[in-house]
Amino acid sequence: MDRRTFLIYASLGSVVSTLNTLLTKTSSGVGQESKNKNKILLSQTLPNRFVNVYAFGKLVSGKTNQAYIIAANTKTIQKAIDTVGQQGGGTIYIPRGYYQVAPPNLTVNSPSSIVINYDNITLAGAGIGKTIIESRGYWSVINEEVVRGHGIMIQGTNNFSQPRKNVTIKNLELHGGINGFTGDREWPANPKTGDGWDVSHKGIVLDFDKYLDNITIDSVYVHDFRGEVIYGGGSGIGKLTISNTKLANSNASMLSLDANLTVTKCEFSQTANAWVENAPISPNKSYYFDECIFKDSIASGLVIAQGNFSSGRKVTITNCNFYNSPTGICPFGGASDFQITNNKFFDVSNVLFTSGVNRDIEFYQNEIYGQREPVTTASLFGELSNIVIKNNYHQGSNNAPLVGCIFYYADLKNIVIENNIFQNCRTPEQLADLTNERPLFINNEYINVQRRDRQGSYLLWWRQEIPYMVTPKCEELVLENITSSTIITIDMSISRYLDGQEVLVTGGSFKSQVKLPQNSATIQCQSDRFLRGQGEEVRLKFNKSKQKWYEVF
């Protein structure tokens, strides 16, 4: 250990007494801190071991692009981490400044600029916009692959019982050194142009197929990486907490990993891929998002792909705001046990978008707004079971084309859509064949809605089929007789409806009538009911055991 390091470690008292000097000492003269600010910093961040990175070498602040300066900056930060790590851990403080770093030995398999390879390490700056670390943004071609370099790697272990643990990155900004978002998410990156999704250019990496636990990312701004902004490979990550952090500008996804994840008060913006992809694939891991903001994705939203139905996993997404994306929350491929509550969605085209085999999803008390774009509350496709969409408010745009508030088809079971308000949209629509059950629609309110023919309404315009068979797609159905006949009789489809489904039938016209018979193969009313377009309505309820619709009084 050199003399400067020994003096810093000698005692907590000596550390505190010398920190006012260390915190304000910079090699470029930038970032002078007041004594009062230093005292606040010390009281908030200091563990027993705290070192200023300047104790380990020279750092040059400013964007220089000089290779020897970048190499020296990288070496100084790495030396501080390694020295503190070898002593059992502590906090490495990087004062205010703009520091360029790069991988010491750039290869396809080892492209990290800074590596944390010890337990109990905190890498802390003076704050977002104050301590800025810029990693390598320009690209090289190695073995016909584009290579730039990751920002910070938290290196795991090969032993699941002794993972890399207790690592924190806080109060700093990590810049990818280039405009990370070009809108090109093609993989691999193009070796002729450097554009695309570059897997060698990730922001913070929680290693690949290794074991880590109790990792914290707090008050960090990570942006402008062509690869994932925060990434972890494999299923070996335990607890990961991300708070007060901004992730922005990438051709890849903002967050991609499998962990026991808690994300609070974070912002995700500007991605060519997805805000979040992957999810807790492993048993006993959960995802929790609270008070987060998701903005501007051109491809996907928050994609949860759990892979199977192991017990002990849960996904909670609450009190978040979502803006401008083709999709919002996307369970697919074996996702289960979701609670999506009290969120707001603005110009998200498909808010709840499912595919594949999924089950046990609760979508409650959310607000959906179309301000410039048409929006759909839920698109339910795939093999789905036990999904409840309840007490949500949907308001489509007055200036955008109307689309269905709910779309559904395929293999559905125990789908309940209840007590929602749908305004400025089309009524729910079935887009293709069903192979199991229809959703159960209960007490939803439809305001200023469009009813497309054979979806929310039927235009009875031909007489080849007598009686005319109609198939309600939700709990309301409007019929209009535009044939040459004064009266046309209808029957109701009984295919795949759930027991207790009610349908309010209205319609007719001033010149022609629609008749619901007192007794037919599928309908039983108290007497023949006629809809004349003068406010008449008939409420029917399906009895599954008898395979018939009965009038409700």
Protein backbone atom coordinates (compact mmCIF):
# COMPACT_ATOMS: atom_id res chain seq x y z
CA MET A 1 0.00 0.00 0.00
CA ASP A 2 1.45 3.44 -0.90
CA ARG A 3 1.77 6.27 1.59
CA ARG A 4 -1.24 8.21 0.39
CA THR A 5 -3.51 5.18 0.66
CA PHE A 6 -2.17 4.36 4.13
CA LEU A 7 -2.88 7.85 5.40
CA ILE A 8 -6.44 7.69 4.09
CA TYR A 9 -7.08 4.36 5.76
CA ALA A 10 -5.32 5.16 9.03
CA SER A 11 -8.47 6.13 10.87
CA LEU A 12 -11.92 7.48 10.23
CA GLY A 13 -10.92 10.64 12.08
CA SER A 14 -7.98 11.31 9.82
CA VAL A 15 -10.11 10.57 6.77
CA VAL A 16 -12.74 13.10 7.80
CA SER A 17 -10.15 15.73 8.70
CA THR A 18 -8.37 15.47 5.36
CA LEU A 19 -11.43 15.11 3.15
CA ASN A 20 -12.10 18.82 2.80
CA THR A 21 -8.78 19.05 1.03
CA LEU A 22 -9.21 15.87 -0.97
CA LEU A 23 -12.74 16.63 -2.11
CA THR A 24 -11.77 19.99 -3.56
CA LYS A 25 -8.46 18.95 -5.06
CA THR A 26 -8.72 18.44 -8.83
CA SER A 27 -6.08 18.10 -11.47
CA SER A 28 -7.91 20.55 -13.74
CA GLY A 29 -9.15 23.07 -11.21
CA VAL A 30 -12.86 22.32 -11.84
CA GLY A 31 -15.52 21.51 -9.30
CA GLN A 32 -14.61 23.53 -6.17
CA GLU A 33 -16.95 22.46 -3.32
CA SER A 34 -17.82 24.51 -0.26
CA LYS A 35 -17.06 23.19 3.22
CA ASN A 36 -20.76 23.07 4.02
CA LYS A 37 -21.48 20.92 0.98
CA ASN A 38 -18.61 18.64 1.91
CA LYS A 39 -20.01 18.15 5.41
CA ILE A 40 -23.39 17.24 3.94
CA LEU A 41 -21.72 14.79 1.55
CA LEU A 42 -19.76 13.18 4.34
CA SER A 43 -22.78 12.75 6.59
CA GLN A 44 -24.83 11.20 3.80
CA THR A 45 -22.38 8.88 2.07
CA LEU A 46 -19.44 7.95 4.24
CA PRO A 47 -18.95 4.42 5.48
CA ASN A 48 -15.92 3.65 7.65
CA ARG A 49 -13.69 3.49 4.59
CA PHE A 50 -13.88 6.37 2.16
CA VAL A 51 -11.27 7.45 -0.37
CA ASN A 52 -11.03 10.19 -2.90
CA VAL A 53 -10.02 8.74 -6.25
CA TYR A 54 -7.36 11.46 -6.60
CA ALA A 55 -5.35 9.63 -3.93
CA PHE A 56 -4.56 6.96 -6.53
CA GLY A 57 -3.38 8.97 -9.48
CA LYS A 58 -4.10 11.83 -11.80
CA LEU A 59 -7.52 12.43 -13.37
CA VAL A 60 -7.91 14.93 -16.17
CA SER A 61 -11.34 16.50 -16.53
CA GLY A 62 -12.69 17.54 -19.90
CA LYS A 63 -13.29 15.95 -23.27
CA THR A 64 -9.81 15.56 -24.66
CA ASN A 65 -9.91 12.37 -26.77
CA GLN A 66 -6.19 11.98 -26.04
CA ALA A 67 -5.45 8.28 -25.69
CA TYR A 68 -2.82 8.68 -22.97
CA ILE A 69 -5.14 10.84 -20.85
CA ILE A 70 -8.04 8.40 -21.27
CA ALA A 71 -5.77 5.51 -20.34
CA ALA A 72 -4.50 7.36 -17.26
CA ASN A 73 -8.05 8.22 -16.12
CA THR A 74 -9.11 4.61 -16.51
CA LYS A 75 -6.06 3.35 -14.63
CA THR A 76 -6.61 5.74 -11.71
CA ILE A 77 -10.26 4.79 -11.19
CA GLN A 78 -9.48 1.09 -11.55
CA LYS A 79 -6.58 1.31 -9.09
CA ALA A 80 -8.83 2.96 -6.52
CA ILE A 81 -11.45 0.22 -6.89
CA ASP A 82 -8.91 -2.60 -6.69
CA THR A 83 -7.08 -1.14 -3.71
CA VAL A 84 -10.23 -0.51 -1.70
CA GLY A 85 -11.57 -3.92 -2.69
CA GLN A 86 -8.44 -5.66 -1.51
CA GLN A 87 -8.83 -3.95 1.86
CA GLY A 88 -12.36 -5.31 2.30
CA GLY A 89 -14.35 -2.57 0.60
CA GLY A 90 -15.46 1.01 1.04
CA THR A 91 -16.49 4.07 -0.95
CA ILE A 92 -14.48 5.47 -3.85
CA TYR A 93 -15.48 9.09 -4.37
CA ILE A 94 -15.00 10.65 -7.81
CA PRO A 95 -15.27 14.44 -7.52
CA ARG A 96 -16.95 16.80 -9.94
CA GLY A 97 -15.52 16.58 -13.43
CA TYR A 98 -15.86 15.09 -16.91
CA TYR A 99 -13.64 12.01 -17.20
CA GLN A 100 -13.09 9.93 -20.32
CA VAL A 101 -12.28 6.23 -19.91
CA ALA A 102 -11.87 3.26 -22.25
CA PRO A 103 -11.19 -0.48 -22.12
CA PRO A 104 -7.48 -1.05 -21.37
CA ASN A 105 -7.37 -4.09 -23.66
CA LEU A 106 -10.21 -3.90 -26.13
CA THR A 107 -11.36 -7.29 -27.43
CA VAL A 108 -14.68 -8.80 -28.45
CA ASN A 109 -14.84 -10.80 -25.21
CA SER A 110 -13.37 -8.20 -22.83
CA PRO A 111 -14.59 -4.74 -23.72
CA SER A 112 -15.21 -3.21 -20.26
CA SER A 113 -13.74 0.16 -19.30
CA ILE A 114 -14.08 -0.10 -15.49
CA VAL A 115 -14.45 -3.38 -13.59
CA ILE A 116 -15.72 -3.82 -10.03
CA ASN A 117 -14.44 -7.23 -8.95
CA TYR A 118 -14.74 -6.99 -5.17
CA ASP A 119 -17.50 -7.08 -2.57
CA ASN A 120 -18.58 -4.09 -0.47
CA ILE A 121 -17.67 -1.46 -3.05
CA THR A 122 -19.46 1.86 -3.51
CA LEU A 123 -18.51 3.98 -6.51
CA ALA A 124 -19.89 7.46 -5.82
CA GLY A 125 -19.75 10.77 -7.59
CA ALA A 126 -20.79 14.31 -6.71
CA GLY A 127 -24.12 13.90 -8.48
CA ILE A 128 -25.73 13.64 -11.91
CA GLY A 129 -24.38 16.39 -14.14
CA LYS A 130 -21.44 16.89 -11.80
CA THR A 131 -19.42 13.68 -11.98
CA ILE A 132 -19.58 12.45 -15.57
CA ILE A 133 -17.73 9.39 -16.83
CA GLU A 134 -17.63 9.00 -20.59
CA SER A 135 -16.80 5.57 -21.95
CA ARG A 136 -15.56 4.71 -25.42
CA GLY A 137 -18.10 5.61 -28.11
CA TYR A 138 -16.12 5.32 -31.33
CA TRP A 139 -16.09 1.89 -32.94
CA SER A 140 -13.54 -0.60 -34.16
CA VAL A 141 -13.98 -3.77 -36.17
CA ILE A 142 -12.45 -6.87 -34.58
CA ASN A 143 -13.04 -10.27 -36.19
CA GLU A 144 -15.65 -8.59 -38.42
CA GLU A 145 -17.61 -7.40 -35.36
CA VAL A 146 -18.26 -3.86 -34.22
CA VAL A 147 -16.62 -3.26 -30.82
CA ARG A 148 -16.83 -0.06 -28.74
CA GLY A 149 -16.54 -0.97 -25.05
CA HIS A 150 -18.86 -1.25 -22.05
CA GLY A 151 -18.97 1.42 -19.39
CA ILE A 152 -18.86 -0.29 -15.97
CA MET A 153 -18.77 -4.05 -15.39
CA ILE A 154 -19.74 -5.49 -12.00
CA GLN A 155 -17.99 -8.82 -12.27
CA GLY A 156 -19.70 -11.82 -10.70
CA THR A 157 -18.36 -15.08 -9.34
CA ASN A 158 -18.65 -18.68 -10.46
CA ASN A 159 -19.94 -19.81 -7.05
CA PHE A 160 -23.67 -19.44 -6.42
CA SER A 161 -23.12 -19.66 -2.65
CA GLN A 162 -20.57 -16.82 -2.69
CA PRO A 163 -21.84 -14.25 -5.19
CA ARG A 164 -20.31 -10.85 -5.78
CA LYS A 165 -22.28 -8.77 -3.28
CA ASN A 166 -22.90 -5.36 -1.76
CA VAL A 167 -21.89 -3.23 -4.73
CA THR A 168 -23.33 0.26 -5.19
CA ILE A 169 -23.01 2.81 -7.99
CA LYS A 170 -24.44 6.20 -7.08
CA ASN A 171 -24.49 9.94 -7.71
CA LEU A 172 -22.86 10.03 -11.11
CA GLU A 173 -23.49 10.14 -14.85
CA LEU A 174 -22.27 7.50 -17.30
CA HIS A 175 -22.10 8.63 -20.93
CA GLY A 176 -21.66 6.25 -23.87
CA GLY A 177 -19.53 8.70 -25.82
CA ILE A 178 -21.80 8.79 -28.86
CA ASN A 179 -25.42 9.37 -29.81
CA GLY A 180 -26.82 6.04 -28.62
CA PHE A 181 -30.19 6.30 -30.35
CA THR A 182 -30.35 6.30 -34.14
CA GLY A 183 -33.53 4.24 -34.48
CA ASP A 184 -31.66 1.28 -35.98
CA ARG A 185 -32.15 -1.82 -33.81
CA GLU A 186 -30.70 -4.30 -36.27
CA TRP A 187 -28.37 -6.85 -34.69
CA PRO A 188 -25.45 -7.26 -34.97
CA ALA A 189 -24.24 -3.73 -35.57
CA ASN A 190 -23.22 -3.01 -39.14
CA PRO A 191 -19.40 -3.32 -39.46
CA LYS A 192 -19.45 -0.90 -42.40
CA THR A 193 -21.33 1.91 -40.69
CA GLY A 194 -21.17 1.06 -36.97
CA ASP A 195 -24.92 1.61 -36.73
CA GLY A 196 -27.39 -0.78 -35.13
CA TRP A 197 -27.62 -2.65 -31.86
CA ASP A 198 -24.08 -3.02 -30.59
CA VAL A 199 -23.78 -5.70 -27.88
CA SER A 200 -20.24 -4.54 -27.04
CA HIS A 201 -21.50 -1.10 -26.00
CA LYS A 202 -23.51 -1.55 -22.81
CA GLY A 203 -23.69 0.95 -19.96
CA ILE A 204 -23.64 -0.96 -16.66
CA VAL A 205 -23.12 -4.71 -17.00
CA LEU A 206 -23.91 -7.19 -14.25
CA ASP A 207 -21.69 -9.77 -15.91
CA PHE A 208 -22.61 -12.76 -18.06
CA ASP A 209 -23.76 -16.05 -16.51
CA LYS A 210 -22.17 -15.25 -13.14
CA TYR A 211 -23.48 -14.80 -9.58
CA LEU A 212 -24.18 -11.41 -7.97
CA ASP A 213 -26.38 -10.22 -5.11
CA ASN A 214 -27.40 -7.04 -3.33
CA ILE A 215 -26.48 -4.65 -6.13
CA THR A 216 -27.67 -1.03 -5.89
CA ILE A 217 -27.81 1.65 -8.58
CA ASP A 218 -28.98 4.94 -7.10
CA SER A 219 -29.17 8.46 -8.56
CA VAL A 220 -27.31 7.57 -11.74
CA TYR A 221 -27.89 8.81 -15.29
CA VAL A 222 -26.79 6.23 -17.88
CA HIS A 223 -27.27 7.23 -21.49
CA ASP A 224 -26.19 7.05 -25.10
CA PHE A 225 -25.10 3.46 -25.41
CA ARG A 226 -25.82 1.53 -28.60
CA GLY A 227 -26.36 -1.63 -26.52
CA GLU A 228 -28.42 -2.24 -23.39
CA VAL A 229 -28.16 0.55 -20.85
CA ILE A 230 -28.23 -1.80 -17.84
CA TYR A 231 -27.69 -5.47 -18.60
CA GLY A 232 -27.20 -8.77 -16.83
CA GLY A 233 -26.72 -12.13 -18.51
CA GLY A 234 -27.99 -15.45 -17.18
CA SER A 235 -30.03 -16.22 -14.07
CA GLY A 236 -27.37 -15.71 -11.37
CA ILE A 237 -28.35 -12.20 -10.22
CA GLY A 238 -30.07 -11.98 -6.85
CA LYS A 239 -31.31 -8.70 -5.40
CA LEU A 240 -30.98 -5.61 -7.59
CA THR A 241 -32.31 -2.20 -6.54
CA ILE A 242 -32.46 0.73 -8.97
CA SER A 243 -33.73 4.08 -7.70
CA ASN A 244 -33.77 7.73 -8.76
CA THR A 245 -32.01 6.75 -11.96
CA LYS A 246 -32.41 7.80 -15.60
CA LEU A 247 -31.76 5.51 -18.55
CA ALA A 248 -31.85 7.11 -21.98
CA ASN A 249 -30.96 6.93 -25.67
CA SER A 250 -30.18 3.45 -26.95
CA ASN A 251 -30.71 1.31 -30.01
CA ALA A 252 -31.17 -1.64 -27.65
CA SER A 253 -33.30 -2.07 -24.54
CA MET A 254 -32.94 0.15 -21.50
CA LEU A 255 -32.95 -2.67 -18.93
CA SER A 256 -32.42 -6.34 -19.70
CA LEU A 257 -31.77 -8.93 -17.02
CA ASP A 258 -33.15 -11.62 -14.73
CA ALA A 259 -33.04 -10.52 -11.09
CA ASN A 260 -35.03 -10.02 -7.94
CA LEU A 261 -35.64 -6.48 -9.09
CA THR A 262 -36.96 -3.31 -7.45
CA VAL A 263 -37.13 -0.16 -9.56
CA THR A 264 -38.45 3.07 -8.02
CA LYS A 265 -38.61 6.68 -9.19
CA CYS A 266 -36.66 5.99 -12.37
CA GLU A 267 -37.03 7.30 -15.91
CA PHE A 268 -36.61 5.32 -19.14
CA SER A 269 -36.57 7.25 -22.42
CA GLN A 270 -35.75 7.01 -26.11
CA THR A 271 -35.15 3.41 -27.15
CA ALA A 272 -35.27 1.67 -30.50
CA ASN A 273 -36.11 -1.64 -28.80
CA ALA A 274 -37.85 -1.84 -25.40
CA TRP A 275 -37.82 -0.01 -22.11
CA VAL A 276 -37.48 -3.34 -20.32
CA GLU A 277 -37.03 -6.85 -21.66
CA ASN A 278 -36.59 -10.20 -19.99
CA ALA A 279 -37.87 -10.71 -16.48
CA PRO A 280 -37.68 -13.03 -13.47
CA ILE A 281 -37.19 -16.32 -15.26
CA SER A 282 -35.85 -18.01 -12.14
CA PRO A 283 -38.09 -19.09 -9.24
CA ASN A 284 -38.53 -16.77 -6.25
CA LYS A 285 -37.60 -13.65 -8.20
CA SER A 286 -39.95 -10.73 -8.65
CA TYR A 287 -40.14 -7.48 -10.57
CA TYR A 288 -41.42 -4.34 -8.83
CA PHE A 289 -41.78 -0.99 -10.60
CA ASP A 290 -43.14 2.02 -8.71
CA GLU A 291 -43.32 5.72 -9.62
CA CYS A 292 -41.35 5.29 -12.84
CA ILE A 293 -41.65 7.18 -16.13
CA PHE A 294 -41.35 5.39 -19.47
CA LYS A 295 -41.09 7.55 -22.61
CA ASP A 296 -40.55 7.24 -26.35
CA SER A 297 -40.04 3.67 -27.49
CA ILE A 298 -40.33 3.01 -31.21
CA ALA A 299 -40.62 -0.78 -30.95
CA SER A 300 -41.77 -2.28 -27.64
CA GLY A 301 -42.64 -1.29 -24.11
CA LEU A 302 -42.11 -3.13 -20.84
CA VAL A 303 -41.68 -6.72 -22.02
CA ILE A 304 -41.98 -9.49 -19.42
CA ALA A 305 -41.00 -12.90 -20.71
CA GLN A 306 -40.76 -15.25 -17.78
CA GLY A 307 -40.54 -18.46 -19.72
CA ASN A 308 -42.45 -20.81 -17.40
CA PHE A 309 -44.80 -20.85 -14.42
CA SER A 310 -42.49 -21.45 -11.50
CA SER A 311 -44.03 -20.48 -8.16
CA GLY A 312 -42.82 -17.55 -6.11
CA ARG A 313 -42.56 -14.98 -8.89
CA LYS A 314 -44.56 -11.79 -9.07
CA VAL A 315 -44.59 -8.71 -11.28
CA THR A 316 -45.96 -5.48 -9.81
CA ILE A 317 -46.18 -2.29 -11.88
CA THR A 318 -47.81 0.60 -10.06
CA ASN A 319 -47.96 4.41 -10.06
CA CYS A 320 -46.00 4.65 -13.32
CA ASN A 321 -46.52 6.89 -16.36
CA PHE A 322 -46.03 5.62 -19.91
CA TYR A 323 -45.72 7.81 -23.02
CA ASN A 324 -45.44 7.25 -26.77
CA SER A 325 -44.93 3.60 -27.61
CA PRO A 326 -46.53 0.96 -29.87
CA THR A 327 -46.99 -1.22 -26.76
CA GLY A 328 -47.06 -0.70 -23.01
CA ILE A 329 -46.85 -3.78 -20.77
CA CYS A 330 -46.23 -6.98 -22.68
CA PRO A 331 -46.46 -10.34 -20.87
CA PHE A 332 -45.54 -13.24 -23.12
CA GLY A 333 -43.94 -16.64 -23.14
CA GLY A 334 -45.13 -18.03 -19.80
CA ALA A 335 -45.62 -14.82 -17.80
CA SER A 336 -47.79 -15.03 -14.68
CA ASP A 337 -48.81 -13.32 -11.45
CA PHE A 338 -49.01 -9.72 -12.63
CA GLN A 339 -50.50 -6.79 -10.76
CA ILE A 340 -50.73 -3.68 -12.93
CA THR A 341 -52.45 -0.91 -10.97
CA ASN A 342 -52.79 2.88 -10.81
CA ASN A 343 -50.69 3.61 -13.89
CA LYS A 344 -51.28 6.21 -16.60
CA PHE A 345 -50.70 5.65 -20.31
CA PHE A 346 -50.48 8.43 -22.90
CA ASP A 347 -50.40 7.62 -26.63
CA VAL A 348 -49.45 3.99 -25.98
CA SER A 349 -51.09 2.16 -28.87
CA ASN A 350 -51.56 -1.22 -27.14
CA VAL A 351 -51.41 -0.78 -23.39
CA LEU A 352 -51.69 -4.41 -22.26
CA PHE A 353 -50.38 -6.55 -25.10
CA THR A 354 -50.17 -10.29 -24.52
CA SER A 355 -49.02 -13.20 -26.64
CA GLY A 356 -47.92 -16.74 -26.02
CA VAL A 357 -48.94 -18.68 -22.91
CA ASN A 358 -49.75 -16.36 -19.98
CA ARG A 359 -52.00 -16.39 -16.92
CA ASP A 360 -52.95 -14.64 -13.67
CA ILE A 361 -52.84 -11.00 -14.75
CA GLU A 362 -54.69 -8.23 -12.89
CA PHE A 363 -55.05 -4.90 -14.70
CA TYR A 364 -56.83 -2.53 -12.27
CA GLN A 365 -57.52 1.19 -11.92
CA ASN A 366 -55.32 2.38 -14.75
CA GLU A 367 -55.92 5.41 -16.97
CA ILE A 368 -55.43 5.27 -20.74
CA TYR A 369 -55.37 8.44 -22.84
CA GLY A 370 -55.01 8.91 -26.57
CA GLN A 371 -53.83 12.46 -27.10
CA ARG A 372 -52.43 12.20 -30.64
CA GLU A 373 -52.58 8.47 -31.35
CA PRO A 374 -55.34 5.83 -31.28
CA VAL A 375 -55.06 3.65 -28.17
CA THR A 376 -56.26 0.19 -27.12
CA THR A 377 -56.57 -0.84 -23.48
CA ALA A 378 -55.85 -4.54 -24.06
CA SER A 379 -54.93 -6.79 -26.98
CA LEU A 380 -55.50 -10.33 -25.75
CA PHE A 381 -53.92 -12.96 -27.99
CA GLY A 382 -52.39 -16.33 -27.32
CA GLU A 383 -53.15 -19.00 -24.74
CA LEU A 384 -54.38 -16.87 -21.86
CA SER A 385 -56.13 -17.66 -18.59
CA ASN A 386 -57.21 -15.86 -15.40
CA ILE A 387 -56.98 -12.25 -16.59
CA VAL A 388 -59.01 -9.49 -14.95
CA ILE A 389 -59.31 -6.02 -16.53
CA LYS A 390 -61.29 -3.93 -14.07
CA ASN A 391 -62.07 -0.33 -13.04
CA ASN A 392 -59.94 1.27 -15.74
CA TYR A 393 -60.63 4.52 -17.59
CA HIS A 394 -60.00 4.74 -21.33
CA GLN A 395 -60.30 8.02 -23.23
CA GLY A 396 -59.41 7.98 -26.89
CA SER A 397 -58.32 11.02 -28.84
CA ASN A 398 -60.84 13.30 -30.53
CA ASN A 399 -58.31 13.91 -33.30
CA ALA A 400 -57.05 10.38 -34.04
CA PRO A 401 -58.75 7.45 -35.78
CA LEU A 402 -60.87 5.30 -33.47
CA VAL A 403 -59.72 1.77 -32.69
CA GLY A 404 -61.16 -0.99 -30.53
CA CYS A 405 -60.80 -0.50 -26.78
CA ILE A 406 -60.30 -4.29 -26.46
CA PHE A 407 -59.10 -6.76 -29.09
CA TYR A 408 -59.21 -10.51 -28.50
CA TYR A 409 -58.93 -13.91 -30.15
CA ALA A 410 -57.24 -17.35 -29.83
CA ASP A 411 -57.28 -19.60 -26.75
CA LEU A 412 -58.84 -17.65 -23.87
CA LYS A 413 -60.08 -18.91 -20.51
CA ASN A 414 -61.51 -17.04 -17.53
CA ILE A 415 -61.01 -13.54 -18.93
CA VAL A 416 -63.08 -10.92 -17.05
CA ILE A 417 -63.50 -7.32 -18.31
CA GLU A 418 -65.52 -5.42 -15.73
CA ASN A 419 -66.54 -1.90 -14.63
CA ASN A 420 -64.36 -0.06 -17.11
CA ILE A 421 -65.20 3.23 -18.83
CA PHE A 422 -64.42 3.30 -22.55
CA GLN A 423 -64.74 6.68 -24.27
CA ASN A 424 -63.92 7.90 -27.81
CA CYS A 425 -63.05 4.48 -29.20
CA ARG A 426 -64.62 1.45 -30.84
CA THR A 427 -66.36 -1.19 -28.77
CA PRO A 428 -64.47 -4.46 -28.02
CA GLU A 429 -63.74 -6.53 -31.11
CA GLN A 430 -62.98 -10.17 -31.83
CA LEU A 431 -60.29 -10.25 -34.52
CA ALA A 432 -60.13 -13.99 -35.26
CA ASP A 433 -61.47 -17.36 -34.17
CA LEU A 434 -61.66 -18.44 -30.53
CA THR A 435 -60.66 -21.94 -29.47
CA ASN A 436 -61.83 -21.86 -25.84
CA GLU A 437 -64.03 -19.23 -24.13
CA ARG A 438 -65.12 -15.70 -24.77
CA PRO A 439 -64.20 -12.97 -22.30
CA LEU A 440 -66.88 -12.17 -19.74
CA PHE A 441 -67.95 -8.52 -20.11
CA ILE A 442 -69.64 -7.03 -17.03
CA ASN A 443 -70.99 -3.50 -16.44
CA ASN A 444 -68.64 -1.64 -18.72
CA GLU A 445 -69.68 1.83 -19.84
CA TYR A 446 -69.27 2.91 -23.47
CA ILE A 447 -69.30 6.67 -24.17
CA ASN A 448 -69.17 8.17 -27.66
CA VAL A 449 -68.12 4.86 -29.17
CA GLN A 450 -68.10 3.57 -32.71
CA ARG A 451 -69.71 0.18 -33.34
CA ARG A 452 -68.42 -1.59 -36.40
CA ASP A 453 -70.63 -3.98 -38.30
CA ARG A 454 -70.45 -7.54 -36.94
CA GLN A 455 -68.54 -6.24 -33.91
CA GLY A 456 -70.53 -3.75 -31.82
CA SER A 457 -73.43 -3.70 -34.26
CA TYR A 458 -75.11 -5.66 -37.02
CA LEU A 459 -76.52 -4.14 -40.18
CA LEU A 460 -79.25 -6.63 -41.15
CA TRP A 461 -79.26 -6.04 -44.88
CA TRP A 462 -79.88 -9.42 -46.52
CA ARG A 463 -82.40 -12.22 -46.05
CA GLN A 464 -80.55 -15.38 -47.04
CA GLU A 465 -80.29 -16.38 -43.40
CA ILE A 466 -83.61 -16.58 -41.55
CA PRO A 467 -83.54 -16.08 -38.64
CA TYR A 468 -80.55 -13.78 -38.82
CA MET A 469 -77.74 -15.07 -36.53
CA VAL A 470 -75.89 -12.40 -34.55
CA THR A 471 -72.80 -12.81 -32.33
CA PRO A 472 -72.33 -10.25 -29.52
CA LYS A 473 -68.69 -9.30 -28.97
CA CYS A 474 -69.30 -7.58 -25.60
CA GLU A 475 -72.26 -6.78 -23.34
CA GLU A 476 -73.89 -4.34 -25.79
CA LEU A 477 -75.22 -4.96 -29.29
CA VAL A 478 -76.97 -2.56 -31.66
CA LEU A 479 -79.08 -4.02 -34.49
CA GLU A 480 -80.47 -2.22 -37.52
CA ASN A 481 -82.87 -3.70 -40.06
CA ILE A 482 -82.02 -2.22 -43.44
CA THR A 483 -83.60 -5.05 -45.46
CA SER A 484 -86.76 -4.59 -47.51
CA SER A 485 -88.69 -6.57 -44.90
CA THR A 486 -90.72 -4.71 -42.31
CA ILE A 487 -89.71 -7.25 -39.64
CA ILE A 488 -86.66 -9.46 -39.48
CA THR A 489 -86.15 -12.09 -36.76
CA ILE A 490 -82.81 -12.77 -35.16
CA ASP A 491 -81.18 -15.60 -33.24
CA MET A 492 -78.14 -15.30 -30.96
CA SER A 493 -74.93 -17.27 -31.21
CA ILE A 494 -74.28 -19.50 -28.20
CA SER A 495 -70.73 -20.45 -29.11
CA ARG A 496 -68.13 -20.13 -26.29
CA TYR A 497 -70.07 -17.71 -24.07
CA LEU A 498 -69.59 -17.92 -20.32
CA ASP A 499 -72.45 -18.61 -17.97
CA GLY A 500 -74.05 -15.36 -16.79
CA GLN A 501 -72.94 -13.18 -19.69
CA GLU A 502 -75.50 -10.44 -20.20
CA VAL A 503 -76.10 -8.52 -23.42
CA LEU A 504 -78.16 -5.37 -23.86
CA VAL A 505 -79.72 -5.47 -27.33
CA THR A 506 -81.00 -2.22 -28.87
CA GLY A 507 -81.72 -0.98 -32.40
CA GLY A 508 -84.27 -1.31 -35.10
CA SER A 509 -85.20 1.68 -37.27
CA PHE A 510 -88.15 3.97 -37.76
CA LYS A 511 -89.32 2.03 -40.81
CA SER A 512 -88.31 -1.55 -40.03
CA GLN A 513 -88.26 -3.71 -36.92
CA VAL A 514 -86.01 -6.32 -35.38
CA LYS A 515 -87.77 -9.18 -33.62
CA LEU A 516 -86.40 -11.20 -30.70
CA PRO A 517 -88.66 -14.25 -30.53
CA GLN A 518 -90.51 -15.45 -27.44
CA ASN A 519 -88.93 -18.85 -27.97
CA SER A 520 -86.38 -20.04 -30.48
CA ALA A 521 -83.45 -22.46 -30.52
CA THR A 522 -81.23 -19.88 -28.76
CA ILE A 523 -83.52 -17.16 -27.30
CA GLN A 524 -86.36 -17.18 -24.80
CA CYS A 525 -88.21 -13.95 -24.02
CA GLN A 526 -91.38 -13.34 -22.02
CA SER A 527 -93.07 -12.55 -25.31
CA ASP A 528 -91.99 -11.55 -28.79
CA ARG A 529 -89.89 -8.38 -28.41
CA PHE A 530 -89.69 -5.76 -31.15
CA LEU A 531 -87.01 -3.14 -31.55
CA ARG A 532 -88.31 -0.16 -33.54
CA GLY A 533 -85.46 2.29 -33.07
CA GLN A 534 -87.48 4.25 -30.54
CA GLY A 535 -85.58 3.38 -27.37
CA GLU A 536 -86.68 -0.23 -27.03
CA GLU A 537 -84.12 -2.55 -25.51
CA VAL A 538 -83.95 -6.15 -24.41
CA ARG A 539 -81.48 -7.52 -21.88
CA LEU A 540 -80.52 -11.17 -22.32
CA LYS A 541 -78.52 -13.45 -20.05
CA PHE A 542 -76.75 -16.61 -21.15
CA ASN A 543 -77.44 -19.91 -19.37
CA LYS A 544 -74.56 -22.18 -20.25
CA SER A 545 -76.12 -25.40 -18.98
CA LYS A 546 -79.19 -24.83 -21.15
CA GLN A 547 -77.25 -23.22 -23.99
CA LYS A 548 -79.77 -20.44 -24.32
CA TRP A 549 -80.23 -16.69 -23.84
CA TYR A 550 -83.01 -15.69 -21.46
CA GLU A 551 -84.66 -12.29 -21.09
CA VAL A 552 -83.69 -10.45 -17.91
CA PHE A 553 -86.50 -8.48 -16.24
